[in-house]
Amino acid sequence: MRRSSRPYISRLIMAIAAIGLFLIGYQWGNQFQHAHQTPLRIDGVLLRPPLELPELDLQSTQGPFSRDELEQHWSLIAFGSPGSAVGHRGVSRLIEIANRVADQSELRQRLLLLLISADDAPTLARDFEQLTPSLRVLSTSEQSLARLKEDLGAGQSGPAEGAELAPPLFLIDPEARLVALFSGAQPAASIAEDLKRLSERPDALPSAPQRPAEVPTAEPEPPQADD
């Protein structure tokens, strides 16, 4: 006697329906969780929206250093000559922050520490870079340095040579965008915690506004000659 295939088809339909309900519920749950996440908060200044970085004209001990070098990394930038007290404090602060995120192996591997100035001192730069492989001491022209500071909002507000305050830091995300600022008064421990929060929730970073598409203009027709 031939068995009916209806029970099998019914079970198959029920299984497909159950999978569909599971997928719908999973997607809804993710959307609900994302919509009800607490806003991203840090002790530093979070930029809303992030600032797209321009192309860079920098030199490292290994050669040119471009904007592409920042992609896929979290980069902390300090401004200061490697031969100055400000530069020394900047490097010490960068290394202290890196040491405080050492328990976050992925973040630590993706972290770049950048000291930028207009002073080309390759010997001193190499001495600094021996302190940690993530440190880069970069140089550029006075004009390019002033332009970069202006682009990042640093201006001429850095600490004076005799001041005890550490230089401010600028955080660049893996998409080469300026996303946060840290004043010279913010402790390194606090900056390290901010960095951990940001790296754990990159999707919570504000999005840069999209540029409006350019509307092509029609070329005017040449005037018709009168008969």
C-alpha atoms as a PDB file:
ATOM      1  CA  MET A   1       0.000   0.000   0.000  1.00  0.00           C
ATOM      2  CA  ARG A   2       1.471   3.368  -1.058  1.00  0.00           C
ATOM      3  CA  ARG A   3       1.918   5.862   1.709  1.00  0.00           C
ATOM      4  CA  SER A   4       0.667   9.393   1.265  1.00  0.00           C
ATOM      5  CA  SER A   5       3.326  12.091   0.987  1.00  0.00           C
ATOM      6  CA  ARG A   6       1.105  14.657   2.661  1.00  0.00           C
ATOM      7  CA  PRO A   7       2.521  14.172   6.202  1.00  0.00           C
ATOM      8  CA  TYR A   8       6.053  14.664   4.873  1.00  0.00           C
ATOM      9  CA  ILE A   9       5.063  17.820   2.955  1.00  0.00           C
ATOM     10  CA  SER A  10       3.247  19.149   6.013  1.00  0.00           C
ATOM     11  CA  ARG A  11       6.311  18.619   8.198  1.00  0.00           C
ATOM     12  CA  LEU A  12       8.521  20.288   5.570  1.00  0.00           C
ATOM     13  CA  ILE A  13       6.229  23.318   5.407  1.00  0.00           C
ATOM     14  CA  MET A  14       6.202  23.588   9.206  1.00  0.00           C
ATOM     15  CA  ALA A  15      10.011  23.361   9.327  1.00  0.00           C
ATOM     16  CA  ILE A  16      10.407  26.092   6.703  1.00  0.00           C
ATOM     17  CA  ALA A  17       7.896  28.270   8.546  1.00  0.00           C
ATOM     18  CA  ALA A  18       9.775  27.759  11.826  1.00  0.00           C
ATOM     19  CA  ILE A  19      13.080  28.762  10.213  1.00  0.00           C
ATOM     20  CA  GLY A  20      11.432  31.847   8.707  1.00  0.00           C
ATOM     21  CA  LEU A  21       9.994  32.873  12.082  1.00  0.00           C
ATOM     22  CA  PHE A  22      13.399  32.383  13.697  1.00  0.00           C
ATOM     23  CA  LEU A  23      15.138  34.591  11.132  1.00  0.00           C
ATOM     24  CA  ILE A  24      12.484  37.290  11.447  1.00  0.00           C
ATOM     25  CA  GLY A  25      12.742  37.211  15.231  1.00  0.00           C
ATOM     26  CA  TYR A  26      16.540  37.303  15.137  1.00  0.00           C
ATOM     27  CA  GLN A  27      16.571  40.306  12.808  1.00  0.00           C
ATOM     28  CA  TRP A  28      13.946  42.125  14.859  1.00  0.00           C
ATOM     29  CA  GLY A  29      15.894  41.443  18.039  1.00  0.00           C
ATOM     30  CA  ASN A  30      19.086  42.868  16.550  1.00  0.00           C
ATOM     31  CA  GLN A  31      17.284  45.989  15.370  1.00  0.00           C
ATOM     32  CA  PHE A  32      15.614  46.414  18.762  1.00  0.00           C
ATOM     33  CA  GLN A  33      18.929  45.995  20.598  1.00  0.00           C
ATOM     34  CA  HIS A  34      20.706  48.442  18.275  1.00  0.00           C
ATOM     35  CA  ALA A  35      17.921  51.019  18.637  1.00  0.00           C
ATOM     36  CA  HIS A  36      17.991  50.761  22.444  1.00  0.00           C
ATOM     37  CA  GLN A  37      21.775  50.778  22.929  1.00  0.00           C
ATOM     38  CA  THR A  38      23.040  53.445  25.233  1.00  0.00           C
ATOM     39  CA  PRO A  39      24.678  56.352  23.371  1.00  0.00           C
ATOM     40  CA  LEU A  40      28.442  56.155  23.048  1.00  0.00           C
ATOM     41  CA  ARG A  41      30.028  58.402  25.673  1.00  0.00           C
ATOM     42  CA  ILE A  42      33.693  59.130  26.360  1.00  0.00           C
ATOM     43  CA  ASP A  43      35.612  61.463  28.656  1.00  0.00           C
ATOM     44  CA  GLY A  44      37.278  63.062  25.644  1.00  0.00           C
ATOM     45  CA  VAL A  45      35.562  65.052  22.912  1.00  0.00           C
ATOM     46  CA  LEU A  46      33.681  62.894  20.405  1.00  0.00           C
ATOM     47  CA  LEU A  47      33.320  64.555  17.014  1.00  0.00           C
ATOM     48  CA  ARG A  48      29.844  64.553  15.485  1.00  0.00           C
ATOM     49  CA  PRO A  49      30.253  63.920  12.619  1.00  0.00           C
ATOM     50  CA  PRO A  50      33.823  62.618  12.196  1.00  0.00           C
ATOM     51  CA  LEU A  51      36.209  64.634  10.059  1.00  0.00           C
ATOM     52  CA  GLU A  52      37.516  63.068   6.864  1.00  0.00           C
ATOM     53  CA  LEU A  53      41.297  63.370   6.826  1.00  0.00           C
ATOM     54  CA  PRO A  54      42.936  64.958   3.763  1.00  0.00           C
ATOM     55  CA  GLU A  55      45.879  63.396   1.957  1.00  0.00           C
ATOM     56  CA  LEU A  56      49.045  63.521   4.059  1.00  0.00           C
ATOM     57  CA  ASP A  57      52.507  64.707   3.054  1.00  0.00           C
ATOM     58  CA  LEU A  58      54.662  63.155   5.768  1.00  0.00           C
ATOM     59  CA  GLN A  59      58.065  61.490   5.953  1.00  0.00           C
ATOM     60  CA  SER A  60      59.004  58.614   8.242  1.00  0.00           C
ATOM     61  CA  THR A  61      62.331  56.898   8.847  1.00  0.00           C
ATOM     62  CA  GLN A  62      61.217  54.287   6.285  1.00  0.00           C
ATOM     63  CA  GLY A  63      60.096  56.784   3.629  1.00  0.00           C
ATOM     64  CA  PRO A  64      56.858  58.588   2.697  1.00  0.00           C
ATOM     65  CA  PHE A  65      53.899  58.181   5.039  1.00  0.00           C
ATOM     66  CA  SER A  66      50.490  58.672   3.404  1.00  0.00           C
ATOM     67  CA  ARG A  67      46.857  58.644   4.474  1.00  0.00           C
ATOM     68  CA  ASP A  68      46.602  55.003   3.386  1.00  0.00           C
ATOM     69  CA  GLU A  69      48.923  54.035   6.248  1.00  0.00           C
ATOM     70  CA  LEU A  70      46.182  55.006   8.717  1.00  0.00           C
ATOM     71  CA  GLU A  71      43.502  52.726   7.299  1.00  0.00           C
ATOM     72  CA  GLN A  72      42.689  49.606   9.319  1.00  0.00           C
ATOM     73  CA  HIS A  73      44.361  51.187  12.369  1.00  0.00           C
ATOM     74  CA  TRP A  74      43.423  53.269  15.376  1.00  0.00           C
ATOM     75  CA  SER A  75      45.940  56.125  15.337  1.00  0.00           C
ATOM     76  CA  LEU A  76      46.821  58.576  18.102  1.00  0.00           C
ATOM     77  CA  ILE A  77      48.510  61.768  16.892  1.00  0.00           C
ATOM     78  CA  ALA A  78      50.590  64.159  18.999  1.00  0.00           C
ATOM     79  CA  PHE A  79      52.365  67.244  17.664  1.00  0.00           C
ATOM     80  CA  GLY A  80      55.838  68.083  18.924  1.00  0.00           C
ATOM     81  CA  SER A  81      59.469  68.053  17.885  1.00  0.00           C
ATOM     82  CA  PRO A  82      61.303  64.864  18.935  1.00  0.00           C
ATOM     83  CA  GLY A  83      64.078  67.049  20.334  1.00  0.00           C
ATOM     84  CA  SER A  84      61.788  69.185  22.529  1.00  0.00           C
ATOM     85  CA  ALA A  85      60.293  68.698  25.981  1.00  0.00           C
ATOM     86  CA  VAL A  86      56.808  68.816  24.447  1.00  0.00           C
ATOM     87  CA  GLY A  87      57.758  66.017  22.058  1.00  0.00           C
ATOM     88  CA  HIS A  88      59.193  63.931  24.892  1.00  0.00           C
ATOM     89  CA  ARG A  89      56.011  64.353  26.930  1.00  0.00           C
ATOM     90  CA  GLY A  90      53.943  63.471  23.871  1.00  0.00           C
ATOM     91  CA  VAL A  91      55.864  60.247  23.270  1.00  0.00           C
ATOM     92  CA  SER A  92      55.697  59.275  26.951  1.00  0.00           C
ATOM     93  CA  ARG A  93      51.950  59.845  26.977  1.00  0.00           C
ATOM     94  CA  LEU A  94      51.407  57.831  23.792  1.00  0.00           C
ATOM     95  CA  ILE A  95      53.407  54.889  25.135  1.00  0.00           C
ATOM     96  CA  GLU A  96      51.604  54.990  28.499  1.00  0.00           C
ATOM     97  CA  ILE A  97      48.231  54.807  26.732  1.00  0.00           C
ATOM     98  CA  ALA A  98      49.437  51.907  24.581  1.00  0.00           C
ATOM     99  CA  ASN A  99      50.627  50.042  27.683  1.00  0.00           C
ATOM    100  CA  ARG A 100      47.220  50.531  29.318  1.00  0.00           C
ATOM    101  CA  VAL A 101      45.436  48.788  26.421  1.00  0.00           C
ATOM    102  CA  ALA A 102      47.926  45.898  26.340  1.00  0.00           C
ATOM    103  CA  ASP A 103      45.189  43.568  27.638  1.00  0.00           C
ATOM    104  CA  GLN A 104      43.224  44.229  24.419  1.00  0.00           C
ATOM    105  CA  SER A 105      45.379  42.246  22.002  1.00  0.00           C
ATOM    106  CA  GLU A 106      43.506  43.146  18.797  1.00  0.00           C
ATOM    107  CA  LEU A 107      43.352  46.852  19.669  1.00  0.00           C
ATOM    108  CA  ARG A 108      47.021  46.904  20.686  1.00  0.00           C
ATOM    109  CA  GLN A 109      48.067  45.340  17.382  1.00  0.00           C
ATOM    110  CA  ARG A 110      46.048  47.899  15.402  1.00  0.00           C
ATOM    111  CA  LEU A 111      47.201  50.930  17.409  1.00  0.00           C
ATOM    112  CA  LEU A 112      49.568  53.435  15.791  1.00  0.00           C
ATOM    113  CA  LEU A 113      51.332  56.113  17.832  1.00  0.00           C
ATOM    114  CA  LEU A 114      52.331  59.142  15.749  1.00  0.00           C
ATOM    115  CA  LEU A 115      54.514  62.106  16.721  1.00  0.00           C
ATOM    116  CA  ILE A 116      54.453  64.775  13.999  1.00  0.00           C
ATOM    117  CA  SER A 117      56.573  67.908  13.636  1.00  0.00           C
ATOM    118  CA  ALA A 118      58.446  70.007  11.090  1.00  0.00           C
ATOM    119  CA  ASP A 119      61.819  68.828  12.433  1.00  0.00           C
ATOM    120  CA  ASP A 120      63.539  66.133  10.401  1.00  0.00           C
ATOM    121  CA  ALA A 121      65.720  64.321  12.946  1.00  0.00           C
ATOM    122  CA  PRO A 122      66.129  60.738  11.647  1.00  0.00           C
ATOM    123  CA  THR A 123      68.652  59.617  14.273  1.00  0.00           C
ATOM    124  CA  LEU A 124      66.504  60.810  17.168  1.00  0.00           C
ATOM    125  CA  ALA A 125      63.390  59.451  15.452  1.00  0.00           C
ATOM    126  CA  ARG A 126      64.933  55.973  15.218  1.00  0.00           C
ATOM    127  CA  ASP A 127      65.916  56.116  18.897  1.00  0.00           C
ATOM    128  CA  PHE A 128      62.293  56.886  19.823  1.00  0.00           C
ATOM    129  CA  GLU A 129      60.882  54.211  17.526  1.00  0.00           C
ATOM    130  CA  GLN A 130      63.000  51.574  19.266  1.00  0.00           C
ATOM    131  CA  LEU A 131      60.867  52.101  22.374  1.00  0.00           C
ATOM    132  CA  THR A 132      57.857  50.382  20.763  1.00  0.00           C
ATOM    133  CA  PRO A 133      57.199  49.062  17.239  1.00  0.00           C
ATOM    134  CA  SER A 134      53.882  50.945  17.003  1.00  0.00           C
ATOM    135  CA  LEU A 135      55.549  54.381  17.300  1.00  0.00           C
ATOM    136  CA  ARG A 136      56.260  56.483  14.197  1.00  0.00           C
ATOM    137  CA  VAL A 137      58.089  59.809  14.338  1.00  0.00           C
ATOM    138  CA  LEU A 138      57.023  61.802  11.267  1.00  0.00           C
ATOM    139  CA  SER A 139      58.137  65.096   9.766  1.00  0.00           C
ATOM    140  CA  THR A 140      56.873  67.510   7.139  1.00  0.00           C
ATOM    141  CA  SER A 141      57.375  71.099   6.010  1.00  0.00           C
ATOM    142  CA  GLU A 142      56.303  74.030   8.167  1.00  0.00           C
ATOM    143  CA  GLN A 143      53.562  74.856   5.667  1.00  0.00           C
ATOM    144  CA  SER A 144      52.220  71.298   5.535  1.00  0.00           C
ATOM    145  CA  LEU A 145      52.365  71.027   9.327  1.00  0.00           C
ATOM    146  CA  ALA A 146      50.371  74.238   9.751  1.00  0.00           C
ATOM    147  CA  ARG A 147      47.804  73.001   7.234  1.00  0.00           C
ATOM    148  CA  LEU A 148      47.471  69.614   8.953  1.00  0.00           C
ATOM    149  CA  LYS A 149      47.027  71.256  12.351  1.00  0.00           C
ATOM    150  CA  GLU A 150      44.366  73.508  10.915  1.00  0.00           C
ATOM    151  CA  ASP A 151      42.579  70.525   9.343  1.00  0.00           C
ATOM    152  CA  LEU A 152      42.556  68.718  12.698  1.00  0.00           C
ATOM    153  CA  GLY A 153      41.528  71.808  14.641  1.00  0.00           C
ATOM    154  CA  ALA A 154      44.839  71.930  16.521  1.00  0.00           C
ATOM    155  CA  GLY A 155      45.800  75.436  15.397  1.00  0.00           C
ATOM    156  CA  GLN A 156      48.471  76.986  17.577  1.00  0.00           C
ATOM    157  CA  SER A 157      46.831  75.892  20.836  1.00  0.00           C
ATOM    158  CA  GLY A 158      49.538  73.393  21.798  1.00  0.00           C
ATOM    159  CA  PRO A 159      51.407  73.753  25.088  1.00  0.00           C
ATOM    160  CA  ALA A 160      54.342  76.158  25.261  1.00  0.00           C
ATOM    161  CA  GLU A 161      57.839  74.717  25.400  1.00  0.00           C
ATOM    162  CA  GLY A 162      58.222  75.453  29.100  1.00  0.00           C
ATOM    163  CA  ALA A 163      54.728  74.262  30.052  1.00  0.00           C
ATOM    164  CA  GLU A 164      54.264  71.075  32.044  1.00  0.00           C
ATOM    165  CA  LEU A 165      51.035  70.121  30.269  1.00  0.00           C
ATOM    166  CA  ALA A 166      51.202  67.244  27.790  1.00  0.00           C
ATOM    167  CA  PRO A 167      50.233  67.951  24.172  1.00  0.00           C
ATOM    168  CA  PRO A 168      46.627  67.174  23.135  1.00  0.00           C
ATOM    169  CA  LEU A 169      45.985  63.966  21.215  1.00  0.00           C
ATOM    170  CA  PHE A 170      43.900  63.352  18.100  1.00  0.00           C
ATOM    171  CA  LEU A 171      42.308  59.950  17.458  1.00  0.00           C
ATOM    172  CA  ILE A 172      41.960  58.676  13.886  1.00  0.00           C
ATOM    173  CA  ASP A 173      39.694  55.660  13.277  1.00  0.00           C
ATOM    174  CA  PRO A 174      40.355  52.758  10.858  1.00  0.00           C
ATOM    175  CA  GLU A 175      38.572  54.708   8.093  1.00  0.00           C
ATOM    176  CA  ALA A 176      41.121  57.538   8.389  1.00  0.00           C
ATOM    177  CA  ARG A 177      38.661  59.913  10.059  1.00  0.00           C
ATOM    178  CA  LEU A 178      39.266  62.175  13.039  1.00  0.00           C
ATOM    179  CA  VAL A 179      36.756  60.891  15.599  1.00  0.00           C
ATOM    180  CA  ALA A 180      37.902  62.183  18.996  1.00  0.00           C
ATOM    181  CA  LEU A 181      40.089  64.760  20.739  1.00  0.00           C
ATOM    182  CA  PHE A 182      41.849  64.383  24.095  1.00  0.00           C
ATOM    183  CA  SER A 183      43.071  67.457  25.932  1.00  0.00           C
ATOM    184  CA  GLY A 184      46.471  67.636  27.600  1.00  0.00           C
ATOM    185  CA  ALA A 185      44.770  67.574  31.007  1.00  0.00           C
ATOM    186  CA  GLN A 186      42.985  64.237  30.441  1.00  0.00           C
ATOM    187  CA  PRO A 187      44.837  61.399  32.213  1.00  0.00           C
ATOM    188  CA  ALA A 188      46.348  58.636  30.095  1.00  0.00           C
ATOM    189  CA  ALA A 189      44.249  56.041  31.958  1.00  0.00           C
ATOM    190  CA  SER A 190      41.067  57.863  30.969  1.00  0.00           C
ATOM    191  CA  ILE A 191      42.163  58.091  27.320  1.00  0.00           C
ATOM    192  CA  ALA A 192      42.931  54.359  27.300  1.00  0.00           C
ATOM    193  CA  GLU A 193      39.415  53.601  28.569  1.00  0.00           C
ATOM    194  CA  ASP A 194      37.927  55.886  25.908  1.00  0.00           C
ATOM    195  CA  LEU A 195      39.957  54.087  23.259  1.00  0.00           C
ATOM    196  CA  LYS A 196      38.675  50.719  24.459  1.00  0.00           C
ATOM    197  CA  ARG A 197      35.055  51.927  24.320  1.00  0.00           C
ATOM    198  CA  LEU A 198      35.472  53.296  20.820  1.00  0.00           C
ATOM    199  CA  SER A 199      37.189  50.178  19.462  1.00  0.00           C
ATOM    200  CA  GLU A 200      34.481  47.941  20.966  1.00  0.00           C
ATOM    201  CA  ARG A 201      31.646  49.933  19.382  1.00  0.00           C
ATOM    202  CA  PRO A 202      32.872  51.321  16.044  1.00  0.00           C
ATOM    203  CA  ASP A 203      29.318  51.021  14.672  1.00  0.00           C
ATOM    204  CA  ALA A 204      28.181  53.582  17.260  1.00  0.00           C
ATOM    205  CA  LEU A 205      30.469  56.279  15.878  1.00  0.00           C
ATOM    206  CA  PRO A 206      28.577  59.111  14.167  1.00  0.00           C
ATOM    207  CA  SER A 207      28.535  58.867  10.395  1.00  0.00           C
ATOM    208  CA  ALA A 208      29.992  61.580   8.217  1.00  0.00           C
ATOM    209  CA  PRO A 209      27.316  63.367   6.175  1.00  0.00           C
ATOM    210  CA  GLN A 210      27.210  62.249   2.590  1.00  0.00           C
ATOM    211  CA  ARG A 211      28.138  64.819   0.034  1.00  0.00           C
ATOM    212  CA  PRO A 212      25.269  65.718  -2.281  1.00  0.00           C
ATOM    213  CA  ALA A 213      25.697  64.377  -5.781  1.00  0.00           C
ATOM    214  CA  GLU A 214      26.595  66.954  -8.346  1.00  0.00           C
ATOM    215  CA  VAL A 215      23.823  67.584 -10.821  1.00  0.00           C
ATOM    216  CA  PRO A 216      25.236  67.784 -14.324  1.00  0.00           C
ATOM    217  CA  THR A 217      24.333  70.976 -16.092  1.00  0.00           C
ATOM    218  CA  ALA A 218      23.224  70.845 -19.677  1.00  0.00           C
ATOM    219  CA  GLU A 219      25.487  72.620 -22.094  1.00  0.00           C
ATOM    220  CA  PRO A 220      23.757  75.535 -23.776  1.00  0.00           C
ATOM    221  CA  GLU A 221      22.869  74.968 -27.381  1.00  0.00           C
ATOM    222  CA  PRO A 222      24.755  77.138 -29.863  1.00  0.00           C
ATOM    223  CA  PRO A 223      22.637  79.959 -31.252  1.00  0.00           C
ATOM    224  CA  GLN A 224      20.939  79.244 -34.559  1.00  0.00           C
ATOM    225  CA  ALA A 225      21.940  81.473 -37.440  1.00  0.00           C
ATOM    226  CA  ASP A 226      19.097  83.441 -38.990  1.00  0.00           C
ATOM    227  CA  ASP A 227      18.223  82.466 -42.532  1.00  0.00           C
END
